[in-house]
Amino acid sequence: MTEIEVQDLTKTYRVGDVEVNALRGVNLKIERGEFVAIVGPSGSGKSTLFHILGGLTPPTSGTVLIDGRDLVKMSEADRTLLRKTTVGFVFQKYNLLPTLTGEDNIEIARHIAGKKNGHQPDPQFEEILKLLGIAGRLQHKPRALSGGEQQRIAIARALVNHPALLLADEPTGNLDTENSTAVLSILQGLNKRLGQTILMITHDPEAAAYANRTITMRDGRVVS
């Protein structure tokens, strides 16, 4: 089943009197259960595509189907609901709340999505925590955690509501080589063992090699 389908997608920004064409007729399709990396240099349009797919910014024209729903035709309220329930986000910056423990940072995502009593048994999420290897670190606040551990908690937070799609934007950008390898291996494991659909934005070919498929962008277009 198709998870993402994009047709003739464009995005134009206006900077003063100048129009900047960030996306120029992008077409792509990602099936459920795929782990896909989008690579390209700065200015290629990959981050703009990421923000459109996540419902964070609207396109100028084109069609965007996420889990069978037309993102372009959604109201802002529907796009907000999509971000809460259907799409999980992992960013280069971990964006953990410093005054909360790892567990509370995860639970707040449940609360925002309107989920009741996050302490009910959730075997699938327990499997995710096992894969992430952070079950023993959840009572610590971010300042007591390494960068790799903080990113793992950020991944757990993104997955706690069982989204159909995980969007990861340069998820290893702030990590050293050892922690980068660990996080990428975890994403690969989530895909292979749990069938999680993942779309990862990266400029690093070594990171992209962990995905099943690579899409290359340049100058606002998919080139391969």
Protein backbone atom coordinates (compact mmCIF):
# COMPACT_ATOMS: atom_id res chain seq x y z
CA MET A 1 0.00 0.00 0.00
CA THR A 2 1.25 3.49 -0.83
CA GLU A 3 2.12 5.63 2.22
CA ILE A 4 3.20 8.81 0.40
CA GLU A 5 2.30 9.89 -3.11
CA VAL A 6 3.43 13.26 -4.45
CA GLN A 7 2.50 14.58 -7.90
CA ASP A 8 3.73 17.75 -9.63
CA LEU A 9 4.64 19.36 -6.31
CA THR A 10 5.91 22.94 -6.38
CA LYS A 11 6.84 25.43 -3.69
CA THR A 12 7.70 29.04 -4.43
CA TYR A 13 8.85 31.53 -1.81
CA ARG A 14 8.91 35.27 -2.33
CA VAL A 15 11.91 37.12 -0.91
CA GLY A 16 11.28 40.80 -1.51
CA ASP A 17 10.68 41.10 -5.24
CA VAL A 18 12.42 37.80 -6.00
CA GLU A 19 10.68 34.43 -6.37
CA VAL A 20 12.62 31.38 -5.17
CA ASN A 21 11.48 28.05 -6.60
CA ALA A 22 12.29 25.57 -3.83
CA LEU A 23 10.42 22.67 -5.48
CA ARG A 24 9.92 22.37 -9.23
CA GLY A 25 7.44 19.61 -10.07
CA VAL A 26 8.44 16.83 -7.67
CA ASN A 27 6.94 13.37 -8.17
CA LEU A 28 7.58 10.43 -5.86
CA LYS A 29 5.90 7.43 -4.28
CA ILE A 30 6.82 5.64 -1.05
CA GLU A 31 5.20 2.35 -0.12
CA ARG A 32 4.16 1.36 3.39
CA GLY A 33 7.04 -0.35 5.20
CA GLU A 34 9.82 1.30 3.19
CA PHE A 35 12.86 3.05 4.67
CA VAL A 36 13.74 5.79 2.19
CA ALA A 37 16.52 8.38 2.36
CA ILE A 38 16.31 11.66 0.48
CA VAL A 39 19.75 13.11 -0.19
CA GLY A 40 20.98 16.27 -1.83
CA PRO A 41 23.12 19.35 -1.21
CA SER A 42 21.93 22.45 0.61
CA GLY A 43 19.31 24.22 -1.49
CA SER A 44 18.20 21.03 -3.24
CA GLY A 45 14.67 21.27 -1.78
CA LYS A 46 14.80 18.24 0.48
CA SER A 47 14.01 20.17 3.68
CA THR A 48 11.13 21.99 1.97
CA LEU A 49 9.75 18.63 0.87
CA PHE A 50 10.10 17.34 4.45
CA HIS A 51 8.10 20.26 5.84
CA ILE A 52 5.34 19.83 3.26
CA LEU A 53 5.05 16.08 3.86
CA GLY A 54 4.78 16.70 7.58
CA GLY A 55 1.98 19.23 7.11
CA LEU A 56 4.20 21.98 8.50
CA THR A 57 3.98 24.20 5.42
CA PRO A 58 1.61 24.18 2.41
CA PRO A 59 2.80 23.65 -1.16
CA THR A 60 2.25 26.20 -3.91
CA SER A 61 0.69 23.57 -6.18
CA GLY A 62 0.50 19.82 -6.67
CA THR A 63 -0.93 16.82 -4.85
CA VAL A 64 0.29 15.28 -1.58
CA LEU A 65 -1.34 12.07 -0.32
CA ILE A 66 -0.29 10.84 3.13
CA ASP A 67 -1.77 7.52 4.22
CA GLY A 68 -4.41 7.99 1.50
CA ARG A 69 -5.43 11.49 2.63
CA ASP A 70 -5.01 14.63 0.56
CA LEU A 71 -2.85 17.00 2.58
CA VAL A 72 -3.51 19.96 0.29
CA LYS A 73 -7.28 19.78 0.76
CA MET A 74 -7.11 19.43 4.55
CA SER A 75 -8.11 22.19 6.92
CA GLU A 76 -5.48 23.44 9.35
CA ALA A 77 -7.25 21.50 12.11
CA ASP A 78 -7.02 18.30 10.08
CA ARG A 79 -3.33 18.90 9.37
CA THR A 80 -2.74 19.42 13.08
CA LEU A 81 -4.49 16.12 13.81
CA LEU A 82 -2.33 14.43 11.15
CA ARG A 83 0.82 15.68 12.89
CA LYS A 84 -0.45 14.36 16.22
CA THR A 85 -1.57 10.91 15.09
CA THR A 86 -0.24 9.89 11.67
CA VAL A 87 3.23 11.44 11.37
CA GLY A 88 6.08 11.27 13.86
CA PHE A 89 8.97 13.74 13.68
CA VAL A 90 12.64 13.36 14.57
CA PHE A 91 14.89 16.38 14.10
CA GLN A 92 18.61 17.10 14.28
CA LYS A 93 17.98 18.98 17.53
CA TYR A 94 16.38 16.66 20.05
CA ASN A 95 13.87 19.29 21.30
CA LEU A 96 13.45 17.61 24.68
CA LEU A 97 11.99 19.68 27.51
CA PRO A 98 14.90 20.12 29.95
CA THR A 99 12.80 20.10 33.13
CA LEU A 100 11.15 16.76 32.33
CA THR A 101 12.50 13.23 32.56
CA GLY A 102 12.85 11.13 29.45
CA GLU A 103 9.65 9.28 30.35
CA ASP A 104 7.73 12.53 30.83
CA ASN A 105 9.04 13.88 27.51
CA ILE A 106 7.58 10.79 25.86
CA GLU A 107 4.30 10.91 27.80
CA ILE A 108 3.64 14.53 26.89
CA ALA A 109 3.38 13.42 23.24
CA ARG A 110 0.60 11.01 24.27
CA HIS A 111 -1.13 13.82 26.13
CA ILE A 112 -0.95 16.21 23.16
CA ALA A 113 -2.48 13.51 20.95
CA GLY A 114 -5.36 13.11 23.40
CA LYS A 115 -4.35 9.63 24.53
CA LYS A 116 -5.57 8.68 28.00
CA ASN A 117 -3.46 7.05 30.70
CA GLY A 118 -0.12 6.50 29.04
CA HIS A 119 0.73 3.84 31.66
CA GLN A 120 -1.62 1.23 30.20
CA PRO A 121 0.30 -1.78 28.81
CA ASP A 122 1.48 -1.19 25.24
CA PRO A 123 3.42 -4.27 24.04
CA GLN A 124 4.39 -2.68 20.71
CA PHE A 125 5.86 0.39 22.40
CA GLU A 126 7.68 -1.83 24.90
CA GLU A 127 9.29 -3.51 21.89
CA ILE A 128 10.27 -0.08 20.57
CA LEU A 129 11.89 0.83 23.91
CA LYS A 130 13.76 -2.48 23.86
CA LEU A 131 15.06 -1.72 20.37
CA LEU A 132 16.09 1.78 21.45
CA GLY A 133 17.89 0.45 24.52
CA ILE A 134 16.75 3.29 26.82
CA ALA A 135 14.39 1.53 29.24
CA GLY A 136 16.87 2.12 32.08
CA ARG A 137 17.40 5.81 31.26
CA LEU A 138 13.84 7.11 31.22
CA GLN A 139 13.92 8.60 34.73
CA HIS A 140 16.82 10.91 33.84
CA LYS A 141 16.46 14.49 32.65
CA PRO A 142 18.16 15.48 29.36
CA ARG A 143 21.20 17.05 31.08
CA ALA A 144 22.08 13.61 32.50
CA LEU A 145 21.85 11.90 29.11
CA SER A 146 24.32 11.67 26.24
CA GLY A 147 23.43 13.09 22.84
CA GLY A 148 22.76 9.59 21.55
CA GLU A 149 20.44 8.82 24.46
CA GLN A 150 18.58 12.10 23.98
CA GLN A 151 18.03 11.29 20.31
CA ARG A 152 16.76 7.83 21.20
CA ILE A 153 14.23 9.37 23.57
CA ALA A 154 13.23 11.79 20.82
CA ILE A 155 12.65 8.78 18.54
CA ALA A 156 10.58 7.07 21.25
CA ARG A 157 8.52 10.26 21.63
CA ALA A 158 7.93 10.33 17.86
CA LEU A 159 6.73 6.71 17.88
CA VAL A 160 4.69 6.59 21.09
CA ASN A 161 1.41 7.22 19.23
CA HIS A 162 2.24 4.59 16.58
CA PRO A 163 2.36 6.93 13.56
CA ALA A 164 2.03 5.45 10.09
CA LEU A 165 5.03 7.53 8.97
CA LEU A 166 8.24 8.58 10.72
CA LEU A 167 9.92 11.66 9.24
CA ALA A 168 13.55 12.13 10.29
CA ASP A 169 15.41 15.32 9.36
CA GLU A 170 19.20 14.89 9.67
CA PRO A 171 18.67 12.71 12.78
CA THR A 172 22.42 12.15 13.29
CA GLY A 173 23.53 15.70 12.51
CA ASN A 174 24.47 16.46 16.15
CA LEU A 175 25.98 13.07 16.95
CA ASP A 176 29.48 11.63 16.83
CA THR A 177 30.28 8.65 14.61
CA GLU A 178 29.58 6.00 17.24
CA ASN A 179 26.20 7.43 18.25
CA SER A 180 25.29 8.13 14.61
CA THR A 181 25.86 4.49 13.75
CA ALA A 182 23.78 3.39 16.74
CA VAL A 183 20.83 5.66 15.86
CA LEU A 184 20.89 4.68 12.19
CA SER A 185 20.99 1.00 13.14
CA ILE A 186 17.99 1.58 15.41
CA LEU A 187 16.03 3.21 12.57
CA GLN A 188 16.93 0.29 10.35
CA GLY A 189 15.78 -2.12 13.07
CA LEU A 190 12.48 -0.28 13.52
CA ASN A 191 11.89 -0.66 9.80
CA LYS A 192 12.92 -4.31 9.51
CA ARG A 193 11.48 -5.68 12.74
CA LEU A 194 8.37 -3.56 13.15
CA GLY A 195 7.66 -2.50 9.56
CA GLN A 196 7.83 1.21 10.42
CA THR A 197 7.69 3.45 7.34
CA ILE A 198 10.58 5.93 7.54
CA LEU A 199 11.53 8.87 5.36
CA MET A 200 14.91 10.33 6.31
CA ILE A 201 16.41 13.56 5.02
CA THR A 202 20.21 13.56 5.00
CA HIS A 203 23.20 15.06 3.22
CA ASP A 204 25.38 12.11 4.30
CA PRO A 205 25.72 9.20 1.81
CA GLU A 206 26.87 6.89 4.63
CA ALA A 207 23.66 7.59 6.55
CA ALA A 208 21.58 7.11 3.41
CA ALA A 209 23.13 3.65 2.94
CA TYR A 210 21.09 2.40 5.93
CA ALA A 211 17.87 2.96 3.97
CA ASN A 212 16.35 0.52 1.50
CA ARG A 213 16.14 3.15 -1.21
CA THR A 214 17.69 6.55 -1.90
CA ILE A 215 16.07 9.47 -3.71
CA THR A 216 18.44 12.21 -4.85
CA MET A 217 17.30 15.82 -5.19
CA ARG A 218 18.98 18.79 -6.83
CA ASP A 219 17.69 22.28 -7.59
CA GLY A 220 14.17 21.44 -6.42
CA ARG A 221 13.80 18.31 -8.53
CA VAL A 222 14.14 14.56 -8.05
CA VAL A 223 17.07 13.57 -10.25
CA SER A 224 17.40 9.88 -9.37
